[in-house]
Protein backbone atom coordinates (compact mmCIF):
# COMPACT_ATOMS: atom_id res chain seq x y z
CA MET A 1 0.00 0.00 0.00
CA LYS A 2 2.82 2.44 0.86
CA ASP A 3 4.41 2.09 -2.58
CA GLY A 4 1.06 2.70 -4.27
CA VAL A 5 0.42 5.77 -2.14
CA ARG A 6 3.83 7.21 -2.98
CA GLU A 7 3.38 6.56 -6.71
CA ALA A 8 -0.09 8.12 -6.74
CA CYS A 9 1.10 11.16 -4.78
CA ALA A 10 4.08 11.68 -7.06
CA LEU A 11 1.74 11.87 -10.05
CA LEU A 12 -0.70 14.21 -8.29
CA GLN A 13 2.09 16.50 -7.07
CA ALA A 14 3.39 16.71 -10.65
CA GLY A 15 -0.02 17.86 -11.88
CA GLY A 16 -1.11 14.44 -13.14
CA ILE A 17 -4.29 12.43 -12.65
CA VAL A 18 -4.80 8.93 -11.26
CA ALA A 19 -7.72 6.55 -10.71
CA LEU A 20 -8.15 5.80 -7.01
CA PRO A 21 -10.56 3.56 -5.08
CA THR A 22 -13.16 5.03 -2.75
CA GLU A 23 -15.82 3.15 -0.79
CA THR A 24 -18.48 4.28 -3.28
CA VAL A 25 -16.96 4.03 -6.81
CA TYR A 26 -13.49 4.49 -8.28
CA GLY A 27 -12.60 8.16 -8.66
CA LEU A 28 -10.42 10.03 -11.15
CA ALA A 29 -8.26 12.17 -8.90
CA ALA A 30 -6.42 15.47 -9.26
CA ASP A 31 -5.01 18.01 -6.83
CA ALA A 32 -8.07 20.19 -6.24
CA PHE A 33 -5.91 23.32 -5.90
CA ASN A 34 -4.27 22.76 -9.31
CA PRO A 35 -6.65 23.94 -12.07
CA GLU A 36 -4.44 22.54 -14.85
CA ALA A 37 -4.59 19.09 -13.27
CA VAL A 38 -8.36 19.41 -12.79
CA ALA A 39 -8.69 20.30 -16.48
CA LYS A 40 -7.07 16.94 -17.31
CA VAL A 41 -9.86 15.19 -15.37
CA PHE A 42 -12.51 16.95 -17.46
CA ALA A 43 -10.62 16.08 -20.66
CA ALA A 44 -10.07 12.39 -19.82
CA LYS A 45 -13.73 11.94 -18.89
CA GLU A 46 -15.03 14.17 -21.71
CA ARG A 47 -17.01 15.85 -18.94
CA PRO A 48 -18.64 19.23 -19.64
CA SER A 49 -17.15 22.09 -17.63
CA PHE A 50 -20.58 23.06 -16.27
CA ASP A 51 -20.80 19.86 -14.18
CA PRO A 52 -19.07 20.46 -10.79
CA LEU A 53 -16.74 18.01 -9.05
CA ILE A 54 -16.69 16.67 -5.50
CA VAL A 55 -13.70 17.70 -3.38
CA HIS A 56 -12.39 15.07 -0.94
CA ILE A 57 -10.57 16.04 2.24
CA ALA A 58 -8.29 13.81 4.30
CA SER A 59 -9.66 14.84 7.71
CA ARG A 60 -12.58 16.80 9.16
CA GLY A 61 -10.16 19.53 10.16
CA ASP A 62 -9.39 20.15 6.49
CA LEU A 63 -12.95 21.33 5.81
CA LYS A 64 -11.93 24.94 6.50
CA THR A 65 -9.45 24.80 3.60
CA VAL A 66 -12.19 24.25 0.99
CA ALA A 67 -15.40 25.63 2.53
CA ILE A 68 -16.62 28.51 4.68
CA VAL A 69 -19.27 27.17 7.05
CA PRO A 70 -21.86 29.84 7.98
CA ASP A 71 -22.49 30.22 11.71
CA GLU A 72 -26.19 29.36 11.36
CA ILE A 73 -25.41 25.83 10.10
CA ALA A 74 -22.08 25.22 11.86
CA GLU A 75 -23.65 23.06 14.59
CA THR A 76 -25.53 20.98 12.02
CA VAL A 77 -22.41 20.49 9.89
CA ASN A 78 -20.54 19.38 13.00
CA LYS A 79 -23.23 16.83 13.89
CA LEU A 80 -23.40 15.46 10.34
CA THR A 81 -19.64 15.12 9.93
CA GLN A 82 -19.33 13.45 13.32
CA ALA A 83 -22.04 10.98 12.38
CA PHE A 84 -21.17 10.23 8.75
CA TRP A 85 -17.53 11.17 8.06
CA PRO A 86 -15.47 9.50 6.92
CA GLY A 87 -18.17 8.09 4.69
CA PRO A 88 -20.45 8.54 1.68
CA LEU A 89 -22.10 11.86 2.56
CA THR A 90 -21.30 14.95 0.49
CA LEU A 91 -22.18 18.42 1.80
CA ILE A 92 -22.72 21.45 -0.42
CA LEU A 93 -21.27 24.50 1.34
CA PRO A 94 -20.05 28.01 0.44
CA LYS A 95 -16.66 27.55 -1.20
CA HIS A 96 -13.33 28.84 0.05
CA PRO A 97 -11.65 31.33 -2.35
CA ASP A 98 -8.69 28.94 -2.74
CA VAL A 99 -10.86 26.40 -4.57
CA PRO A 100 -10.52 27.00 -8.34
CA ASP A 101 -13.70 27.96 -10.17
CA LEU A 102 -13.15 25.06 -12.58
CA VAL A 103 -13.72 22.60 -9.72
CA THR A 104 -17.09 24.14 -8.82
CA SER A 105 -18.08 25.04 -12.40
CA GLY A 106 -18.20 28.68 -11.36
CA LEU A 107 -20.70 28.06 -8.55
CA PRO A 108 -20.24 29.85 -5.21
CA THR A 109 -20.57 26.49 -3.45
CA VAL A 110 -18.37 23.39 -3.22
CA ALA A 111 -19.40 19.75 -2.82
CA VAL A 112 -17.14 18.17 -0.19
CA ARG A 113 -16.76 14.89 1.65
CA GLN A 114 -14.24 12.70 3.47
CA SER A 115 -13.84 9.24 1.94
CA ALA A 116 -13.77 6.19 4.20
CA HIS A 117 -11.46 4.22 1.92
CA PRO A 118 -8.06 3.77 3.66
CA PHE A 119 -6.03 4.05 0.44
CA PHE A 120 -7.79 7.21 -0.74
CA ARG A 121 -7.41 8.81 2.69
CA ALA A 122 -3.72 7.86 2.81
CA VAL A 123 -3.13 9.56 -0.54
CA GLY A 124 -4.95 12.69 0.60
CA LYS A 125 -2.94 12.84 3.82
CA GLU A 126 0.36 12.33 1.98
CA LEU A 127 -0.53 14.88 -0.71
CA GLY A 128 -1.47 17.51 1.84
CA ASN A 129 -4.10 19.05 -0.46
CA PRO A 130 -7.75 18.21 -1.08
CA ILE A 131 -8.49 15.92 -4.02
CA ALA A 132 -11.05 16.59 -6.74
CA ALA A 133 -12.35 13.21 -7.90
CA PRO A 134 -15.45 12.44 -9.96
CA SER A 135 -16.11 8.83 -10.98
CA ALA A 136 -13.37 7.33 -13.16
CA ASN A 137 -15.44 6.75 -16.30
CA ARG A 138 -16.30 8.58 -19.47
CA PHE A 139 -18.97 11.18 -18.89
CA GLY A 140 -22.51 9.83 -18.57
CA ARG A 141 -21.41 6.19 -18.63
CA ILE A 142 -21.69 3.47 -15.99
CA SER A 143 -19.69 4.31 -12.87
CA PRO A 144 -16.77 1.91 -12.20
CA THR A 145 -16.72 -0.17 -9.02
CA SER A 146 -13.51 -2.07 -9.85
CA ALA A 147 -10.12 -1.30 -11.39
CA SER A 148 -10.95 -3.50 -14.39
CA ALA A 149 -14.03 -1.35 -15.07
CA VAL A 150 -11.84 1.78 -14.98
CA MET A 151 -9.47 0.10 -17.45
CA LYS A 152 -12.34 -0.51 -19.87
CA GLU A 153 -13.45 3.12 -19.58
CA LEU A 154 -10.19 5.06 -19.50
CA GLU A 155 -7.32 2.84 -20.68
CA GLY A 156 -4.86 4.97 -22.64
CA ARG A 157 -6.35 8.20 -21.26
CA ILE A 158 -4.76 8.19 -17.80
CA PRO A 159 -1.29 7.16 -16.57
CA LEU A 160 -2.17 5.13 -13.45
CA ILE A 161 -4.99 3.02 -12.03
CA ILE A 162 -4.70 1.81 -8.42
CA ASP A 163 -6.35 -1.60 -7.94
CA ALA A 164 -7.73 -2.07 -4.42
CA GLY A 165 -10.52 -4.51 -5.21
CA ALA A 166 -14.24 -3.88 -5.48
CA CYS A 167 -15.90 -0.88 -3.83
CA SER A 168 -17.85 -1.60 -0.65
CA GLU A 169 -20.85 0.68 -1.29
CA GLY A 170 -21.29 0.50 -5.06
CA VAL A 171 -23.21 3.75 -5.64
CA GLU A 172 -22.04 7.35 -5.38
CA SER A 173 -22.32 9.40 -2.20
CA THR A 174 -25.48 11.05 -0.94
CA ILE A 175 -25.39 14.81 -1.64
CA ILE A 176 -27.26 17.37 0.47
CA SER A 177 -27.34 21.10 1.11
CA ILE A 178 -28.48 22.59 4.42
CA GLU A 179 -31.13 25.26 4.99
CA PRO A 180 -31.35 26.57 8.58
CA ARG A 181 -34.72 27.17 10.26
CA GLU A 182 -34.94 29.29 13.38
CA GLY A 183 -36.14 27.24 16.33
CA LYS A 184 -36.53 24.09 14.23
CA LYS A 185 -34.37 21.35 12.80
CA PRO A 186 -32.77 22.36 9.48
CA VAL A 187 -34.02 21.28 6.06
CA PHE A 188 -31.71 19.01 4.07
CA ARG A 189 -32.15 19.38 0.30
CA LEU A 190 -31.40 15.99 -1.24
CA HIS A 191 -29.48 16.64 -4.47
CA ARG A 192 -28.52 12.98 -5.01
CA ALA A 193 -29.65 9.87 -3.18
CA GLY A 194 -26.90 7.53 -2.02
CA PRO A 195 -25.70 5.16 0.71
CA ILE A 196 -26.60 7.58 3.53
CA THR A 197 -30.37 7.26 3.44
CA LYS A 198 -33.22 9.65 4.12
CA GLU A 199 -34.05 7.65 7.23
CA GLN A 200 -30.53 8.16 8.61
CA LEU A 201 -30.55 11.90 7.89
CA GLN A 202 -33.95 12.48 9.48
CA GLU A 203 -32.41 12.21 12.93
CA PHE A 204 -30.67 15.53 12.25
CA GLY A 205 -33.15 17.44 10.07
CA LYS A 206 -36.06 17.37 7.67
CA VAL A 207 -35.19 15.82 4.30
CA GLU A 208 -36.74 17.23 1.14
CA LYS A 209 -35.88 16.48 -2.46
CA PHE A 210 -34.01 19.24 -4.27
CA ARG A 211 -36.08 20.60 -7.14
CA GLU A 212 -33.79 20.36 -10.14
CA SER A 213 -33.94 23.11 -12.72
CA THR A 214 -34.63 22.15 -16.30
CA ALA A 215 -32.28 24.92 -17.45
CA GLY A 216 -28.93 26.28 -16.35
CA THR A 217 -26.02 24.53 -14.72
CA PRO A 218 -26.32 21.65 -12.23
CA GLN A 219 -26.01 22.66 -8.58
CA ALA A 220 -24.27 19.39 -7.67
CA PRO A 221 -22.59 16.42 -9.40
CA GLY A 222 -24.77 13.67 -10.87
CA GLN A 223 -27.86 15.83 -11.45
CA LEU A 224 -28.11 15.61 -15.22
CA GLU A 225 -31.23 13.88 -16.47
CA SER A 226 -29.23 11.30 -18.45
CA HIS A 227 -26.39 9.77 -16.45
CA TYR A 228 -24.84 6.44 -15.34
CA ALA A 229 -25.97 4.99 -18.68
CA PRO A 230 -24.84 1.89 -20.60
CA LEU A 231 -24.35 2.14 -24.36
CA THR A 232 -27.10 -0.45 -24.74
CA PRO A 233 -30.53 1.19 -24.33
CA LEU A 234 -31.97 0.49 -20.87
CA ILE A 235 -35.74 0.36 -20.33
CA LEU A 236 -36.99 0.72 -16.74
CA LEU A 237 -40.22 -1.28 -16.81
CA LYS A 238 -42.80 -0.48 -14.14
CA ASP A 239 -45.19 -3.29 -15.09
CA PRO A 240 -44.29 -6.60 -16.81
CA ALA A 241 -47.54 -6.36 -18.78
CA ASP A 242 -46.22 -3.26 -20.55
CA PHE A 243 -43.32 -5.13 -22.21
CA ILE A 244 -43.82 -5.57 -25.96
CA PRO A 245 -40.64 -7.06 -27.47
CA GLU A 246 -39.75 -6.30 -31.07
CA GLU A 247 -39.26 -9.34 -33.27
CA GLY A 248 -35.64 -10.26 -33.88
CA LYS A 249 -34.24 -8.16 -31.05
CA ARG A 250 -32.12 -9.61 -28.24
CA TYR A 251 -33.16 -8.56 -24.73
CA GLY A 252 -31.47 -9.00 -21.38
CA LEU A 253 -33.06 -8.61 -17.95
CA LEU A 254 -31.69 -6.70 -14.97
CA CYS A 255 -33.83 -8.00 -12.12
CA TYR A 256 -33.87 -7.73 -8.34
CA ARG A 257 -33.83 -11.30 -7.01
CA GLY A 258 -33.75 -13.39 -10.19
CA GLU A 259 -36.18 -16.01 -8.89
CA ASP A 260 -37.47 -18.45 -11.51
CA ASP A 261 -41.14 -17.63 -10.79
CA SER A 262 -40.70 -13.83 -10.84
CA PRO A 263 -43.12 -12.15 -13.28
CA TYR A 264 -40.17 -10.29 -14.79
CA VAL A 265 -38.12 -13.46 -15.29
CA THR A 266 -41.01 -15.43 -16.80
CA MET A 267 -42.45 -12.75 -19.10
CA HIS A 268 -39.89 -13.28 -21.89
CA ASP A 269 -37.26 -15.71 -23.15
CA TRP A 270 -34.29 -13.53 -22.19
CA GLU A 271 -30.86 -13.81 -23.78
CA THR A 272 -29.38 -13.34 -20.31
CA VAL A 273 -30.60 -12.52 -16.82
CA GLU A 274 -28.56 -10.73 -14.15
CA ALA A 275 -29.83 -10.29 -10.58
CA LEU A 276 -28.91 -7.45 -8.25
CA SER A 277 -29.39 -9.54 -5.11
CA PRO A 278 -29.72 -13.19 -6.22
CA GLY A 279 -32.39 -14.95 -4.20
CA SER A 280 -32.12 -12.82 -1.08
CA GLY A 281 -33.46 -9.42 -2.18
CA LYS A 282 -31.18 -7.28 -0.01
CA LEU A 283 -30.94 -3.64 -1.03
CA ALA A 284 -27.39 -3.26 0.31
CA GLU A 285 -26.20 -6.10 -1.94
CA ALA A 286 -28.22 -4.69 -4.86
CA ALA A 287 -26.53 -1.29 -4.47
CA ILE A 288 -23.06 -2.87 -4.43
CA ARG A 289 -23.80 -4.94 -7.55
CA LEU A 290 -25.77 -2.34 -9.54
CA PHE A 291 -23.05 -0.88 -11.78
CA HIS A 292 -21.27 -4.24 -12.11
CA VAL A 293 -24.47 -5.90 -13.35
CA MET A 294 -25.25 -3.00 -15.70
CA ARG A 295 -21.79 -3.34 -17.18
CA LEU A 296 -22.17 -7.13 -17.68
CA LEU A 297 -25.42 -6.60 -19.57
CA ASP A 298 -23.94 -3.74 -21.57
CA GLU A 299 -21.18 -6.07 -22.77
CA ALA A 300 -23.54 -8.95 -23.66
CA GLY A 301 -24.28 -7.84 -27.24
CA LEU A 302 -27.94 -7.06 -26.55
CA ASP A 303 -30.30 -4.75 -28.40
CA ALA A 304 -31.86 -3.56 -25.14
CA ILE A 305 -31.71 -4.08 -21.38
CA VAL A 306 -34.98 -4.32 -19.45
CA ALA A 307 -34.70 -3.35 -15.76
CA GLU A 308 -37.05 -4.31 -12.95
CA PRO A 309 -37.69 -1.52 -10.42
CA VAL A 310 -36.90 -1.99 -6.72
CA SER A 311 -38.74 -0.73 -3.67
CA GLU A 312 -37.97 2.95 -3.03
CA THR A 313 -37.15 2.58 0.64
CA GLY A 314 -33.71 3.06 2.19
CA LEU A 315 -31.01 2.33 -0.39
CA GLY A 316 -33.72 1.59 -2.94
CA VAL A 317 -34.10 5.34 -3.48
CA ALA A 318 -30.47 5.59 -4.67
CA ILE A 319 -30.77 2.50 -6.86
CA MET A 320 -33.91 3.80 -8.56
CA ASP A 321 -32.31 7.23 -9.07
CA ARG A 322 -29.46 5.58 -11.00
CA LEU A 323 -31.82 3.36 -13.02
CA ARG A 324 -34.03 6.30 -13.99
CA ARG A 325 -31.07 8.39 -15.14
CA ALA A 326 -29.65 5.42 -17.09
CA SER A 327 -32.94 4.59 -18.80
CA VAL A 328 -34.35 5.68 -22.14
CA SER A 329 -37.94 5.32 -20.88
CA CYS A 330 -39.79 4.56 -17.66
C-alpha cells in the first residue's frame, strides 16, 4: 500500500491524474488546488465544464481549507460530519476562495466529503491538499466499481490506475445542502440519493428532495437527467404487462432477485438474466452490484436491457435514481 500511495502522490504533485478507489466508486483524482490538473480530469472523462466536481478532504479539520461554514449551520455540519464522516455523505457549502472555479463550475458552493477508503485517505494525507475526484469513467457512462471497469473506460487516457478490489458501497455518495430554520431542525435538500439514506438523515433534520432546474447549470454532481448509462438502451419497466418485445431483437433482464417464478423473469425468453441480489433481495447487496451488473449486460451484445424496479425505501431510493437516469424510458 505504501508504494502505491507514494506513486499516486508523485503523479498528483506533478499535476497528473490517477484513478483511485473510494468506498463508493473508483474516482479520477487530481489536486483540487491545481486547475491545470483538474482540467485533465474533465478532458479524460469528456465531462462538460458546467458539471461540478466533489472535493475530498483527508480529515474533518481540512474542511476549512475548501469551505466557509456559515455560523447558522455550523452546529448541524458538525453533527453530520461526526455521524457520517469518513463516509459517503457529500455536503454542499459556500466555497473557500482557494478552490478553483473550474472545480465548482463557477458556482459559489463546493461539494465536499471525506472518503472512508483507507487508500484514498492515505493519498490525501500524503498529498497535503484536497483531491477533486469524480467517478473514473467517461462522462454519462456506468460508474466503475472495480479497477478493471476503470481500465475498460479510461485505458490509454490516464497514466495510473490503483487496484484495491471492489468498492464496498457500489453507488455514489449522498449529496445534500443545508437550509437553517430558526427554532426548528434544518431542512436538508437531497441533491442525489446515495448510501446515507433519508431515514438516517432524518435524525438531524427534515429531508426534502431538491427541485432540479430544467435549465442552467447543475447545482451538484450527478444531477443531469441522463447519467450512469450503458451504451445499450436500458428500459426501466414499471409493469411486466407493458413489455412488448420487437421481433428479432435480443433482450437481457436486470432484475432484483432473479427467482425463476418472478413475473419479470417469466415474461420473456431472455438472452441473459442478471440479478442485483440473487435470491435474497437485499438492497445493500443490490446497491453494491448495480453498476457491475449493468456493465455485464452492456457487454452482452444485446439490443436492449430491461430493468425491474426496486422498492424505493432506504437504499432503494439511490438505486432507482441511477436506473431512472440510465434509462431511455420509464
